[in-house]
C-alpha atoms as a PDB file:
ATOM      1  CA  MET A   1      49.976  50.789  -2.390  1.00  0.00           C
ATOM      2  CA  LYS A   2      48.668  54.335  -2.702  1.00  0.00           C
ATOM      3  CA  LEU A   3      44.933  54.845  -3.157  1.00  0.00           C
ATOM      4  CA  ILE A   4      45.250  56.574  -6.546  1.00  0.00           C
ATOM      5  CA  ALA A   5      47.507  53.824  -7.876  1.00  0.00           C
ATOM      6  CA  ARG A   6      45.068  51.211  -6.612  1.00  0.00           C
ATOM      7  CA  GLU A   7      42.143  52.924  -8.349  1.00  0.00           C
ATOM      8  CA  LYS A   8      44.119  52.981 -11.606  1.00  0.00           C
ATOM      9  CA  LEU A   9      44.910  49.286 -11.238  1.00  0.00           C
ATOM     10  CA  GLN A  10      41.253  48.475 -10.595  1.00  0.00           C
ATOM     11  CA  GLN A  11      40.196  50.477 -13.639  1.00  0.00           C
ATOM     12  CA  LEU A  12      42.801  48.673 -15.742  1.00  0.00           C
ATOM     13  CA  VAL A  13      41.615  45.255 -14.560  1.00  0.00           C
ATOM     14  CA  TYR A  14      37.996  46.025 -15.483  1.00  0.00           C
ATOM     15  CA  GLU A  15      39.090  47.287 -18.889  1.00  0.00           C
ATOM     16  CA  LEU A  16      41.181  44.161 -19.494  1.00  0.00           C
ATOM     17  CA  ILE A  17      38.427  41.688 -18.733  1.00  0.00           C
ATOM     18  CA  GLY A  18      35.970  43.768 -20.753  1.00  0.00           C
ATOM     19  CA  GLY A  19      32.791  41.887 -21.571  1.00  0.00           C
ATOM     20  CA  LEU A  20      34.303  38.451 -20.899  1.00  0.00           C
ATOM     21  CA  LYS A  21      32.934  36.194 -18.179  1.00  0.00           C
ATOM     22  CA  GLY A  22      35.407  35.511 -15.418  1.00  0.00           C
ATOM     23  CA  GLY A  23      37.348  37.003 -12.566  1.00  0.00           C
ATOM     24  CA  ILE A  24      40.695  38.626 -11.813  1.00  0.00           C
ATOM     25  CA  ALA A  25      42.433  39.179  -8.485  1.00  0.00           C
ATOM     26  CA  VAL A  26      45.801  40.693  -7.588  1.00  0.00           C
ATOM     27  CA  MET A  27      47.377  40.285  -4.150  1.00  0.00           C
ATOM     28  CA  ASP A  28      50.454  41.226  -2.187  1.00  0.00           C
ATOM     29  CA  ALA A  29      52.054  37.827  -1.522  1.00  0.00           C
ATOM     30  CA  ARG A  30      53.674  38.958   1.723  1.00  0.00           C
ATOM     31  CA  THR A  31      50.582  40.343   3.458  1.00  0.00           C
ATOM     32  CA  GLY A  32      47.621  38.786   1.634  1.00  0.00           C
ATOM     33  CA  GLU A  33      46.259  42.263   0.909  1.00  0.00           C
ATOM     34  CA  ILE A  34      44.029  42.289  -2.174  1.00  0.00           C
ATOM     35  CA  LEU A  35      45.176  45.076  -4.475  1.00  0.00           C
ATOM     36  CA  SER A  36      42.525  44.563  -7.147  1.00  0.00           C
ATOM     37  CA  LEU A  37      39.558  42.265  -7.637  1.00  0.00           C
ATOM     38  CA  CYS A  38      36.780  42.057 -10.174  1.00  0.00           C
ATOM     39  CA  SER A  39      34.106  39.658 -11.365  1.00  0.00           C
ATOM     40  CA  SER A  40      32.619  39.969 -14.829  1.00  0.00           C
ATOM     41  CA  PRO A  41      29.988  40.601 -16.030  1.00  0.00           C
ATOM     42  CA  SER A  42      29.198  43.109 -13.350  1.00  0.00           C
ATOM     43  CA  PHE A  43      26.266  45.387 -12.500  1.00  0.00           C
ATOM     44  CA  ASP A  44      25.542  48.740 -10.903  1.00  0.00           C
ATOM     45  CA  PRO A  45      24.609  48.086  -7.231  1.00  0.00           C
ATOM     46  CA  ASN A  46      22.794  51.428  -7.072  1.00  0.00           C
ATOM     47  CA  ILE A  47      19.842  49.905  -8.955  1.00  0.00           C
ATOM     48  CA  PHE A  48      18.890  48.015  -5.779  1.00  0.00           C
ATOM     49  CA  ILE A  49      18.408  51.195  -3.746  1.00  0.00           C
ATOM     50  CA  ASP A  50      16.457  53.193  -6.347  1.00  0.00           C
ATOM     51  CA  LYS A  51      12.780  52.263  -6.505  1.00  0.00           C
ATOM     52  CA  ASN A  52      12.611  53.654 -10.035  1.00  0.00           C
ATOM     53  CA  MET A  53      15.117  51.051 -11.245  1.00  0.00           C
ATOM     54  CA  ASN A  54      12.929  47.951 -10.889  1.00  0.00           C
ATOM     55  CA  GLY A  55      13.258  47.261 -14.601  1.00  0.00           C
ATOM     56  CA  ALA A  56      17.040  47.274 -14.362  1.00  0.00           C
ATOM     57  CA  VAL A  57      16.889  44.971 -11.339  1.00  0.00           C
ATOM     58  CA  LYS A  58      14.698  42.513 -13.202  1.00  0.00           C
ATOM     59  CA  LYS A  59      17.070  42.559 -16.160  1.00  0.00           C
ATOM     60  CA  VAL A  60      20.057  41.777 -13.943  1.00  0.00           C
ATOM     61  CA  MET A  61      18.194  39.009 -12.121  1.00  0.00           C
ATOM     62  CA  GLN A  62      17.208  37.334 -15.398  1.00  0.00           C
ATOM     63  CA  ASP A  63      20.519  37.786 -17.216  1.00  0.00           C
ATOM     64  CA  ILE A  64      21.722  34.355 -18.445  1.00  0.00           C
ATOM     65  CA  ASP A  65      25.340  35.450 -17.846  1.00  0.00           C
ATOM     66  CA  SER A  66      24.631  35.685 -14.079  1.00  0.00           C
ATOM     67  CA  PRO A  67      26.195  39.068 -13.229  1.00  0.00           C
ATOM     68  CA  LEU A  68      25.161  38.573  -9.573  1.00  0.00           C
ATOM     69  CA  LEU A  69      27.531  35.583  -9.350  1.00  0.00           C
ATOM     70  CA  ASN A  70      30.907  36.587  -7.929  1.00  0.00           C
ATOM     71  CA  ARG A  71      33.152  34.388 -10.043  1.00  0.00           C
ATOM     72  CA  VAL A  72      36.238  35.156  -7.938  1.00  0.00           C
ATOM     73  CA  VAL A  73      34.807  33.168  -5.014  1.00  0.00           C
ATOM     74  CA  ASN A  74      32.879  30.564  -7.015  1.00  0.00           C
ATOM     75  CA  ALA A  75      34.484  27.141  -7.612  1.00  0.00           C
ATOM     76  CA  TYR A  76      35.477  25.630 -10.964  1.00  0.00           C
ATOM     77  CA  PRO A  77      37.770  22.855 -12.224  1.00  0.00           C
ATOM     78  CA  PRO A  78      41.249  24.414 -12.139  1.00  0.00           C
ATOM     79  CA  GLY A  79      42.918  22.411 -14.897  1.00  0.00           C
ATOM     80  CA  SER A  80      46.697  22.453 -15.131  1.00  0.00           C
ATOM     81  CA  ILE A  81      47.387  25.202 -12.598  1.00  0.00           C
ATOM     82  CA  PHE A  82      46.877  22.343 -10.104  1.00  0.00           C
ATOM     83  CA  LYS A  83      50.026  20.639 -11.454  1.00  0.00           C
ATOM     84  CA  VAL A  84      51.933  22.868  -9.028  1.00  0.00           C
ATOM     85  CA  VAL A  85      50.381  20.856  -6.185  1.00  0.00           C
ATOM     86  CA  THR A  86      51.010  17.524  -7.907  1.00  0.00           C
ATOM     87  CA  ALA A  87      54.658  18.504  -8.420  1.00  0.00           C
ATOM     88  CA  TYR A  88      55.049  19.404  -4.748  1.00  0.00           C
ATOM     89  CA  ALA A  89      53.397  16.135  -3.670  1.00  0.00           C
ATOM     90  CA  GLY A  90      55.729  14.097  -5.885  1.00  0.00           C
ATOM     91  CA  LEU A  91      58.786  15.836  -4.425  1.00  0.00           C
ATOM     92  CA  ALA A  92      57.565  15.622  -0.823  1.00  0.00           C
ATOM     93  CA  GLU A  93      56.808  11.902  -1.150  1.00  0.00           C
ATOM     94  CA  LYS A  94      60.161  11.295  -2.902  1.00  0.00           C
ATOM     95  CA  ASN A  95      58.412   9.784  -5.922  1.00  0.00           C
ATOM     96  CA  ILE A  96      60.338  12.204  -8.120  1.00  0.00           C
ATOM     97  CA  ASN A  97      63.300  14.542  -7.935  1.00  0.00           C
ATOM     98  CA  PRO A  98      64.352  17.364 -10.273  1.00  0.00           C
ATOM     99  CA  GLU A  99      66.370  14.898 -12.364  1.00  0.00           C
ATOM    100  CA  SER A 100      63.592  12.289 -12.700  1.00  0.00           C
ATOM    101  CA  ALA A 101      62.876  11.751 -16.394  1.00  0.00           C
ATOM    102  CA  ILE A 102      59.588  10.491 -17.839  1.00  0.00           C
ATOM    103  CA  PHE A 103      59.064   9.841 -21.528  1.00  0.00           C
ATOM    104  CA  CYS A 104      55.922  11.367 -23.041  1.00  0.00           C
ATOM    105  CA  PRO A 105      54.923   9.700 -26.331  1.00  0.00           C
ATOM    106  CA  GLY A 106      51.774  11.822 -26.501  1.00  0.00           C
ATOM    107  CA  LYS A 107      49.479   9.151 -25.088  1.00  0.00           C
ATOM    108  CA  PHE A 108      48.969   7.208 -21.886  1.00  0.00           C
ATOM    109  CA  LYS A 109      47.325   3.813 -21.424  1.00  0.00           C
ATOM    110  CA  ILE A 110      45.316   3.133 -18.291  1.00  0.00           C
ATOM    111  CA  GLY A 111      43.227  -0.008 -18.110  1.00  0.00           C
ATOM    112  CA  ASP A 112      41.519  -0.511 -21.434  1.00  0.00           C
ATOM    113  CA  SER A 113      41.521   3.171 -22.342  1.00  0.00           C
ATOM    114  CA  VAL A 114      44.096   5.495 -23.866  1.00  0.00           C
ATOM    115  CA  ARG A 115      44.404   9.140 -22.817  1.00  0.00           C
ATOM    116  CA  PHE A 116      46.180  11.711 -24.944  1.00  0.00           C
ATOM    117  CA  CYS A 117      48.509  14.466 -23.826  1.00  0.00           C
ATOM    118  CA  TRP A 118      47.418  17.887 -25.060  1.00  0.00           C
ATOM    119  CA  LEU A 119      50.516  17.762 -27.329  1.00  0.00           C
ATOM    120  CA  LYS A 120      49.561  14.815 -29.524  1.00  0.00           C
ATOM    121  CA  ARG A 121      53.105  14.279 -30.852  1.00  0.00           C
ATOM    122  CA  GLY A 122      54.353  14.044 -27.266  1.00  0.00           C
ATOM    123  CA  HIS A 123      56.878  16.020 -25.233  1.00  0.00           C
ATOM    124  CA  LYS A 124      59.443  13.161 -25.450  1.00  0.00           C
ATOM    125  CA  GLU A 125      61.800  13.036 -22.431  1.00  0.00           C
ATOM    126  CA  VAL A 126      60.708  15.516 -19.771  1.00  0.00           C
ATOM    127  CA  PHE A 127      61.912  16.494 -16.320  1.00  0.00           C
ATOM    128  CA  LEU A 128      59.939  18.318 -13.650  1.00  0.00           C
ATOM    129  CA  LYS A 129      61.006  21.784 -14.831  1.00  0.00           C
ATOM    130  CA  THR A 130      60.213  21.093 -18.479  1.00  0.00           C
ATOM    131  CA  ALA A 131      57.012  19.234 -17.559  1.00  0.00           C
ATOM    132  CA  LEU A 132      55.744  22.340 -15.775  1.00  0.00           C
ATOM    133  CA  ALA A 133      56.906  24.632 -18.576  1.00  0.00           C
ATOM    134  CA  GLY A 134      55.231  22.537 -21.273  1.00  0.00           C
ATOM    135  CA  SER A 135      52.356  21.374 -19.030  1.00  0.00           C
ATOM    136  CA  CYS A 136      52.952  17.720 -19.970  1.00  0.00           C
ATOM    137  CA  ASN A 137      49.913  15.657 -18.960  1.00  0.00           C
ATOM    138  CA  VAL A 138      51.705  12.308 -19.228  1.00  0.00           C
ATOM    139  CA  TYR A 139      54.347  13.382 -16.692  1.00  0.00           C
ATOM    140  CA  PHE A 140      51.747  14.347 -14.104  1.00  0.00           C
ATOM    141  CA  TRP A 141      49.564  11.308 -14.811  1.00  0.00           C
ATOM    142  CA  GLU A 142      52.571   9.142 -13.951  1.00  0.00           C
ATOM    143  CA  ILE A 143      53.142  11.051 -10.713  1.00  0.00           C
ATOM    144  CA  GLY A 144      49.465  10.911  -9.783  1.00  0.00           C
ATOM    145  CA  LEU A 145      49.309   7.128 -10.118  1.00  0.00           C
ATOM    146  CA  LYS A 146      52.520   6.705  -8.099  1.00  0.00           C
ATOM    147  CA  ILE A 147      51.227   8.912  -5.288  1.00  0.00           C
ATOM    148  CA  GLY A 148      47.593   7.820  -5.244  1.00  0.00           C
ATOM    149  CA  GLU A 149      44.516   9.935  -4.664  1.00  0.00           C
ATOM    150  CA  LYS A 150      44.677   9.948  -0.841  1.00  0.00           C
ATOM    151  CA  ILE A 151      48.161  11.462  -0.746  1.00  0.00           C
ATOM    152  CA  LEU A 152      47.325  13.891  -3.540  1.00  0.00           C
ATOM    153  CA  SER A 153      44.242  14.964  -1.602  1.00  0.00           C
ATOM    154  CA  LYS A 154      46.346  15.411   1.534  1.00  0.00           C
ATOM    155  CA  TYR A 155      48.736  17.833  -0.173  1.00  0.00           C
ATOM    156  CA  ALA A 156      45.930  19.706  -1.922  1.00  0.00           C
ATOM    157  CA  LYS A 157      44.498  20.384   1.541  1.00  0.00           C
ATOM    158  CA  GLU A 158      47.935  21.475   2.799  1.00  0.00           C
ATOM    159  CA  PHE A 159      47.811  24.106   0.045  1.00  0.00           C
ATOM    160  CA  SER A 160      44.510  25.126   1.749  1.00  0.00           C
ATOM    161  CA  LEU A 161      42.326  23.962  -1.136  1.00  0.00           C
ATOM    162  CA  GLY A 162      38.926  22.632  -0.165  1.00  0.00           C
ATOM    163  CA  LYS A 163      38.407  25.242   2.558  1.00  0.00           C
ATOM    164  CA  LEU A 164      37.298  28.860   2.688  1.00  0.00           C
ATOM    165  CA  THR A 165      39.931  31.580   2.475  1.00  0.00           C
ATOM    166  CA  GLY A 166      37.872  33.786   4.789  1.00  0.00           C
ATOM    167  CA  ILE A 167      37.977  36.764   2.442  1.00  0.00           C
ATOM    168  CA  GLU A 168      35.413  39.400   3.382  1.00  0.00           C
ATOM    169  CA  LEU A 169      32.982  38.610   0.575  1.00  0.00           C
ATOM    170  CA  PRO A 170      29.657  36.763   0.711  1.00  0.00           C
ATOM    171  CA  GLY A 171      28.987  33.520  -1.094  1.00  0.00           C
ATOM    172  CA  GLU A 172      32.501  32.077  -1.021  1.00  0.00           C
ATOM    173  CA  SER A 173      32.668  28.423  -2.053  1.00  0.00           C
ATOM    174  CA  ALA A 174      34.989  25.990  -0.266  1.00  0.00           C
ATOM    175  CA  GLY A 175      35.346  23.969  -3.453  1.00  0.00           C
ATOM    176  CA  VAL A 176      35.976  20.225  -3.497  1.00  0.00           C
ATOM    177  CA  VAL A 177      39.122  18.189  -2.856  1.00  0.00           C
ATOM    178  CA  PRO A 178      38.040  14.635  -3.670  1.00  0.00           C
ATOM    179  CA  ASP A 179      39.280  11.178  -2.689  1.00  0.00           C
ATOM    180  CA  SER A 180      37.785   7.682  -2.650  1.00  0.00           C
ATOM    181  CA  LYS A 181      35.921   8.329   0.612  1.00  0.00           C
ATOM    182  CA  TRP A 182      34.394  11.534  -0.752  1.00  0.00           C
ATOM    183  CA  LYS A 183      33.272   9.795  -3.949  1.00  0.00           C
ATOM    184  CA  SER A 184      31.748   6.906  -1.996  1.00  0.00           C
ATOM    185  CA  LEU A 185      29.818   9.269   0.289  1.00  0.00           C
ATOM    186  CA  GLN A 186      28.727  11.775  -2.350  1.00  0.00           C
ATOM    187  CA  LEU A 187      28.211   9.619  -5.430  1.00  0.00           C
ATOM    188  CA  HIS A 188      28.034   6.080  -3.981  1.00  0.00           C
ATOM    189  CA  GLN A 189      30.661   4.957  -6.458  1.00  0.00           C
ATOM    190  CA  ARG A 190      34.139   3.460  -6.188  1.00  0.00           C
ATOM    191  CA  TRP A 191      37.288   5.348  -7.098  1.00  0.00           C
ATOM    192  CA  TYR A 192      39.146   4.362 -10.277  1.00  0.00           C
ATOM    193  CA  GLY A 193      42.628   4.951 -11.629  1.00  0.00           C
ATOM    194  CA  GLY A 194      41.077   7.225 -14.233  1.00  0.00           C
ATOM    195  CA  ASP A 195      39.805   9.427 -11.392  1.00  0.00           C
ATOM    196  CA  THR A 196      43.342   9.680 -10.035  1.00  0.00           C
ATOM    197  CA  ILE A 197      44.911  10.811 -13.281  1.00  0.00           C
ATOM    198  CA  ASN A 198      42.112  13.334 -13.800  1.00  0.00           C
ATOM    199  CA  PHE A 199      42.745  14.640 -10.283  1.00  0.00           C
ATOM    200  CA  SER A 200      46.502  14.934 -10.900  1.00  0.00           C
ATOM    201  CA  ILE A 201      45.983  17.478 -13.707  1.00  0.00           C
ATOM    202  CA  GLY A 202      43.213  19.459 -12.015  1.00  0.00           C
ATOM    203  CA  GLN A 203      40.235  17.790 -13.681  1.00  0.00           C
ATOM    204  CA  GLY A 204      37.533  15.384 -12.540  1.00  0.00           C
ATOM    205  CA  TYR A 205      35.821  16.187  -9.254  1.00  0.00           C
ATOM    206  CA  LEU A 206      38.324  18.827  -8.084  1.00  0.00           C
ATOM    207  CA  LEU A 207      36.833  22.325  -7.761  1.00  0.00           C
ATOM    208  CA  VAL A 208      38.784  25.462  -6.836  1.00  0.00           C
ATOM    209  CA  SER A 209      37.810  29.129  -6.701  1.00  0.00           C
ATOM    210  CA  PRO A 210      40.066  31.810  -8.209  1.00  0.00           C
ATOM    211  CA  ILE A 211      40.691  33.272  -4.742  1.00  0.00           C
ATOM    212  CA  GLN A 212      41.813  29.841  -3.521  1.00  0.00           C
ATOM    213  CA  ALA A 213      44.056  29.511  -6.564  1.00  0.00           C
ATOM    214  CA  LEU A 214      45.553  32.907  -5.707  1.00  0.00           C
ATOM    215  CA  ARG A 215      46.349  31.679  -2.197  1.00  0.00           C
ATOM    216  CA  MET A 216      47.825  28.480  -3.690  1.00  0.00           C
ATOM    217  CA  ILE A 217      50.197  30.590  -5.794  1.00  0.00           C
ATOM    218  CA  ALA A 218      51.121  32.658  -2.723  1.00  0.00           C
ATOM    219  CA  PHE A 219      52.366  29.451  -1.091  1.00  0.00           C
ATOM    220  CA  VAL A 220      54.865  29.138  -3.950  1.00  0.00           C
ATOM    221  CA  ALA A 221      55.838  32.825  -3.913  1.00  0.00           C
ATOM    222  CA  ASN A 222      56.357  32.651  -0.124  1.00  0.00           C
ATOM    223  CA  GLU A 223      58.049  29.222  -0.305  1.00  0.00           C
ATOM    224  CA  GLY A 224      55.673  27.467   2.052  1.00  0.00           C
ATOM    225  CA  TYR A 225      54.202  30.281   4.115  1.00  0.00           C
ATOM    226  CA  GLU A 226      50.435  30.753   4.131  1.00  0.00           C
ATOM    227  CA  VAL A 227      48.711  34.124   3.904  1.00  0.00           C
ATOM    228  CA  SER A 228      45.046  34.979   4.258  1.00  0.00           C
ATOM    229  CA  PRO A 229      43.625  37.018   1.352  1.00  0.00           C
ATOM    230  CA  HIS A 230      41.825  40.079   2.700  1.00  0.00           C
ATOM    231  CA  ILE A 231      40.234  43.258   1.392  1.00  0.00           C
ATOM    232  CA  LEU A 232      39.741  45.204   4.618  1.00  0.00           C
ATOM    233  CA  LYS A 233      42.671  46.689   6.479  1.00  0.00           C
ATOM    234  CA  LYS A 234      43.405  44.494   9.479  1.00  0.00           C
ATOM    235  CA  GLN A 235      43.566  45.925  12.983  1.00  0.00           C
ATOM    236  CA  ALA A 236      46.692  43.896  13.695  1.00  0.00           C
ATOM    237  CA  ALA A 237      49.377  42.510  11.461  1.00  0.00           C
ATOM    238  CA  ILE A 238      48.699  38.979  10.238  1.00  0.00           C
ATOM    239  CA  LYS A 239      51.423  36.527  11.071  1.00  0.00           C
ATOM    240  CA  ASN A 240      52.236  34.262   8.160  1.00  0.00           C
ATOM    241  CA  LYS A 241      52.309  30.589   9.096  1.00  0.00           C
ATOM    242  CA  LYS A 242      54.835  28.152   7.665  1.00  0.00           C
ATOM    243  CA  VAL A 243      52.853  25.199   6.339  1.00  0.00           C
ATOM    244  CA  LEU A 244      54.877  23.592   3.549  1.00  0.00           C
ATOM    245  CA  ASN A 245      58.512  22.541   3.186  1.00  0.00           C
ATOM    246  CA  PRO A 246      60.457  25.367   1.469  1.00  0.00           C
ATOM    247  CA  ASP A 247      63.050  22.925   0.094  1.00  0.00           C
ATOM    248  CA  PHE A 248      60.760  21.852  -2.761  1.00  0.00           C
ATOM    249  CA  PHE A 249      59.829  25.248  -4.147  1.00  0.00           C
ATOM    250  CA  ASP A 250      63.031  26.189  -5.920  1.00  0.00           C
ATOM    251  CA  ILE A 251      62.579  23.647  -8.736  1.00  0.00           C
ATOM    252  CA  ILE A 252      58.838  24.403  -8.957  1.00  0.00           C
ATOM    253  CA  LYS A 253      59.637  28.101  -9.339  1.00  0.00           C
ATOM    254  CA  GLN A 254      62.195  27.288 -12.022  1.00  0.00           C
ATOM    255  CA  GLY A 255      59.491  25.438 -13.963  1.00  0.00           C
ATOM    256  CA  MET A 256      57.014  28.277 -13.501  1.00  0.00           C
ATOM    257  CA  TYR A 257      59.631  30.754 -14.701  1.00  0.00           C
ATOM    258  CA  GLU A 258      60.110  28.684 -17.868  1.00  0.00           C
ATOM    259  CA  VAL A 259      56.326  28.669 -18.457  1.00  0.00           C
ATOM    260  CA  VAL A 260      56.592  32.355 -19.349  1.00  0.00           C
ATOM    261  CA  ASN A 261      60.221  32.849 -20.307  1.00  0.00           C
ATOM    262  CA  SER A 262      60.855  29.846 -22.546  1.00  0.00           C
ATOM    263  CA  PRO A 263      59.577  29.934 -26.155  1.00  0.00           C
ATOM    264  CA  PHE A 264      58.318  26.402 -25.464  1.00  0.00           C
ATOM    265  CA  GLY A 265      56.428  27.458 -22.334  1.00  0.00           C
ATOM    266  CA  THR A 266      52.644  27.391 -22.447  1.00  0.00           C
ATOM    267  CA  GLY A 267      52.519  30.939 -21.053  1.00  0.00           C
ATOM    268  CA  TYR A 268      55.032  32.560 -23.395  1.00  0.00           C
ATOM    269  CA  ASN A 269      52.359  35.064 -24.467  1.00  0.00           C
ATOM    270  CA  ALA A 270      52.898  36.745 -21.092  1.00  0.00           C
ATOM    271  CA  PHE A 271      56.644  37.211 -21.634  1.00  0.00           C
ATOM    272  CA  ILE A 272      58.029  40.650 -20.775  1.00  0.00           C
ATOM    273  CA  GLU A 273      61.736  41.261 -21.190  1.00  0.00           C
ATOM    274  CA  ASN A 274      63.578  41.606 -17.862  1.00  0.00           C
ATOM    275  CA  ALA A 275      60.426  40.842 -15.839  1.00  0.00           C
ATOM    276  CA  ARG A 276      60.641  38.112 -13.186  1.00  0.00           C
ATOM    277  CA  ILE A 277      57.329  36.345 -13.891  1.00  0.00           C
ATOM    278  CA  PHE A 278      56.513  32.872 -12.557  1.00  0.00           C
ATOM    279  CA  ALA A 279      53.250  31.329 -13.713  1.00  0.00           C
ATOM    280  CA  LYS A 280      51.197  28.297 -14.665  1.00  0.00           C
ATOM    281  CA  THR A 281      48.582  28.039 -17.377  1.00  0.00           C
ATOM    282  CA  GLY A 282      45.398  26.013 -17.064  1.00  0.00           C
ATOM    283  CA  THR A 283      42.880  24.852 -19.651  1.00  0.00           C
ATOM    284  CA  ALA A 284      40.069  23.160 -17.750  1.00  0.00           C
ATOM    285  CA  GLN A 285      37.853  20.917 -19.848  1.00  0.00           C
ATOM    286  CA  VAL A 286      34.100  21.345 -19.368  1.00  0.00           C
ATOM    287  CA  PHE A 287      31.813  18.733 -20.902  1.00  0.00           C
ATOM    288  CA  GLY A 288      30.038  20.096 -23.970  1.00  0.00           C
ATOM    289  CA  GLN A 289      31.471  23.602 -23.539  1.00  0.00           C
ATOM    290  CA  ILE A 290      34.544  25.647 -24.383  1.00  0.00           C
ATOM    291  CA  PRO A 291      37.241  25.069 -21.705  1.00  0.00           C
ATOM    292  CA  HIS A 292      37.835  27.489 -18.838  1.00  0.00           C
ATOM    293  CA  ALA A 293      41.077  29.465 -19.158  1.00  0.00           C
ATOM    294  CA  TRP A 294      43.348  30.031 -16.147  1.00  0.00           C
ATOM    295  CA  PHE A 295      46.591  31.944 -15.740  1.00  0.00           C
ATOM    296  CA  ALA A 296      48.028  31.992 -12.216  1.00  0.00           C
ATOM    297  CA  GLY A 297      51.343  33.332 -11.061  1.00  0.00           C
ATOM    298  CA  PHE A 298      53.401  36.024  -9.394  1.00  0.00           C
ATOM    299  CA  VAL A 299      55.963  38.639 -10.346  1.00  0.00           C
ATOM    300  CA  GLU A 300      58.977  39.777  -8.346  1.00  0.00           C
ATOM    301  CA  ILE A 301      59.410  43.547  -8.361  1.00  0.00           C
ATOM    302  CA  LYS A 302      62.237  44.843  -6.186  1.00  0.00           C
ATOM    303  CA  ASP A 303      61.487  43.483  -2.706  1.00  0.00           C
ATOM    304  CA  ARG A 304      57.819  42.709  -3.417  1.00  0.00           C
ATOM    305  CA  LYS A 305      56.032  39.702  -4.833  1.00  0.00           C
ATOM    306  CA  ILE A 306      52.677  40.353  -6.473  1.00  0.00           C
ATOM    307  CA  CYS A 307      50.388  37.358  -7.064  1.00  0.00           C
ATOM    308  CA  PHE A 308      47.714  37.382  -9.752  1.00  0.00           C
ATOM    309  CA  ILE A 309      44.978  35.092 -11.020  1.00  0.00           C
ATOM    310  CA  VAL A 310      43.129  35.460 -14.289  1.00  0.00           C
ATOM    311  CA  PHE A 311      40.128  33.184 -14.791  1.00  0.00           C
ATOM    312  CA  LEU A 312      38.031  33.304 -17.956  1.00  0.00           C
ATOM    313  CA  GLU A 313      34.883  31.190 -17.891  1.00  0.00           C
ATOM    314  CA  ASN A 314      34.727  29.224 -21.163  1.00  0.00           C
ATOM    315  CA  GLY A 315      37.698  31.347 -22.210  1.00  0.00           C
ATOM    316  CA  GLY A 316      39.626  28.673 -24.130  1.00  0.00           C
ATOM    317  CA  HIS A 317      43.318  28.024 -23.562  1.00  0.00           C
ATOM    318  CA  GLY A 318      45.013  29.547 -20.525  1.00  0.00           C
ATOM    319  CA  GLY A 319      48.082  30.488 -22.533  1.00  0.00           C
ATOM    320  CA  GLU A 320      46.096  32.754 -24.837  1.00  0.00           C
ATOM    321  CA  SER A 321      43.666  35.489 -23.674  1.00  0.00           C
ATOM    322  CA  ALA A 322      44.238  34.863 -19.952  1.00  0.00           C
ATOM    323  CA  ALA A 323      48.021  35.095 -20.389  1.00  0.00           C
ATOM    324  CA  LEU A 324      47.728  38.313 -22.387  1.00  0.00           C
ATOM    325  CA  ILE A 325      45.578  39.888 -19.664  1.00  0.00           C
ATOM    326  CA  ALA A 326      48.107  38.876 -17.003  1.00  0.00           C
ATOM    327  CA  LYS A 327      50.880  40.388 -19.113  1.00  0.00           C
ATOM    328  CA  GLN A 328      49.132  43.778 -19.041  1.00  0.00           C
ATOM    329  CA  ILE A 329      48.764  43.573 -15.248  1.00  0.00           C
ATOM    330  CA  VAL A 330      52.464  42.808 -14.812  1.00  0.00           C
ATOM    331  CA  ALA A 331      53.347  45.607 -17.236  1.00  0.00           C
ATOM    332  CA  TYR A 332      51.320  48.011 -15.057  1.00  0.00           C
ATOM    333  CA  PHE A 333      53.422  47.141 -12.009  1.00  0.00           C
ATOM    334  CA  ASN A 334      56.660  47.337 -14.017  1.00  0.00           C
ATOM    335  CA  ASN A 335      55.752  50.792 -15.306  1.00  0.00           C
ATOM    336  CA  ASN A 336      54.632  52.063 -11.880  1.00  0.00           C
ATOM    337  CA  ASN A 337      57.510  50.676  -9.890  1.00  0.00           C
END
C-alpha cells in the first residue's frame, strides 16, 4: 500500500472515530501488516518533549477519558464477535453441522434462572448461518453447554486469544480466556453453567483486545492460517502457519456474509452493493454502563483480503455506529482499488 494512500486512510480513520472513545485497526490478512491504527481520544506526543507544555501534560494525565490508554491493545469483553469461535468449536467437536436446527423462543432456562435472547420475540428455527447473521444468543448458549467451558477455552486459545499478538506497541494486554481452573485460582469460586453460557457469547470473564480480535478475524479470512499483526516492516517474510481446520470456515463465512448482506443481519448498516464484506457485530454488556460496540470483519477486494476492527467503548450496539464506521473504511478501499 503506497505511503500517500496509507496516510489518507489513517486520516480517514481518525476522522471517523472523531471524539468517540475506542480504537480502530485495519490489516492486510495475508501478511499481518497494519495499514491503519488509532486509539481515541488521543493526544499530541510533542507536549512531553517541550518544557513549556507542562500544563498540557498535566491535563492529559488527569483526563478522565484516559487518552494515554491505547485502547487497541487493551482488553475488554468482546460480546458476540466471539460467536465465531463458538461456531468453529461446535463444528470441530461435531456438536453441530450446517444443517443443525435449534429453536429460539426468545428465552433460555438454565437452573432456576431464565436468560433472554437479545430478540425478545425469538429467532424461531435457526441454523448456524442464520444464527450468525442474526446473532441468536439461544443458539450459541445451546452450543456452549454441549461443548463445555474447557473445550470452548481450548478453541479460543487456538484462535490465539489469551496471548499477546507481539505487535510493536507497549502495554499490550494478553486478555483472559477463562475456564473452571482459572476461576478457582483467580476467584476461589466454582464454575457454573451460567458461566459457560456467558462465555459462549463473549461475556463473563472473557477479555479480548481489539488487536487480538483483528487476528481472530484473520484466521477466518485465511481459513485457518495465523498471521502476526505488525507495524514495522519485517526484515524477512513472515511464514503463515496453518493452525485451524479450513473445512469449517466456509459455513462461518457464509454466516458472516449474511450479517452484512441480509436485511435481517445485525450488521446490515454496513451493506455496500457489490462489496464482498464478511463481518460479525458485538454488543458487550458492561455492568452499570452503556455496552461496548464491536464490528469485526474483512472485505475481499480483487486478490486481497483486508481485515478491520472497530471498537467503541460504551458505544452501544455493534450494528449501529461501529458498523457505519466500518462501512466508510470499506468504501475507501472500494473507491481506491
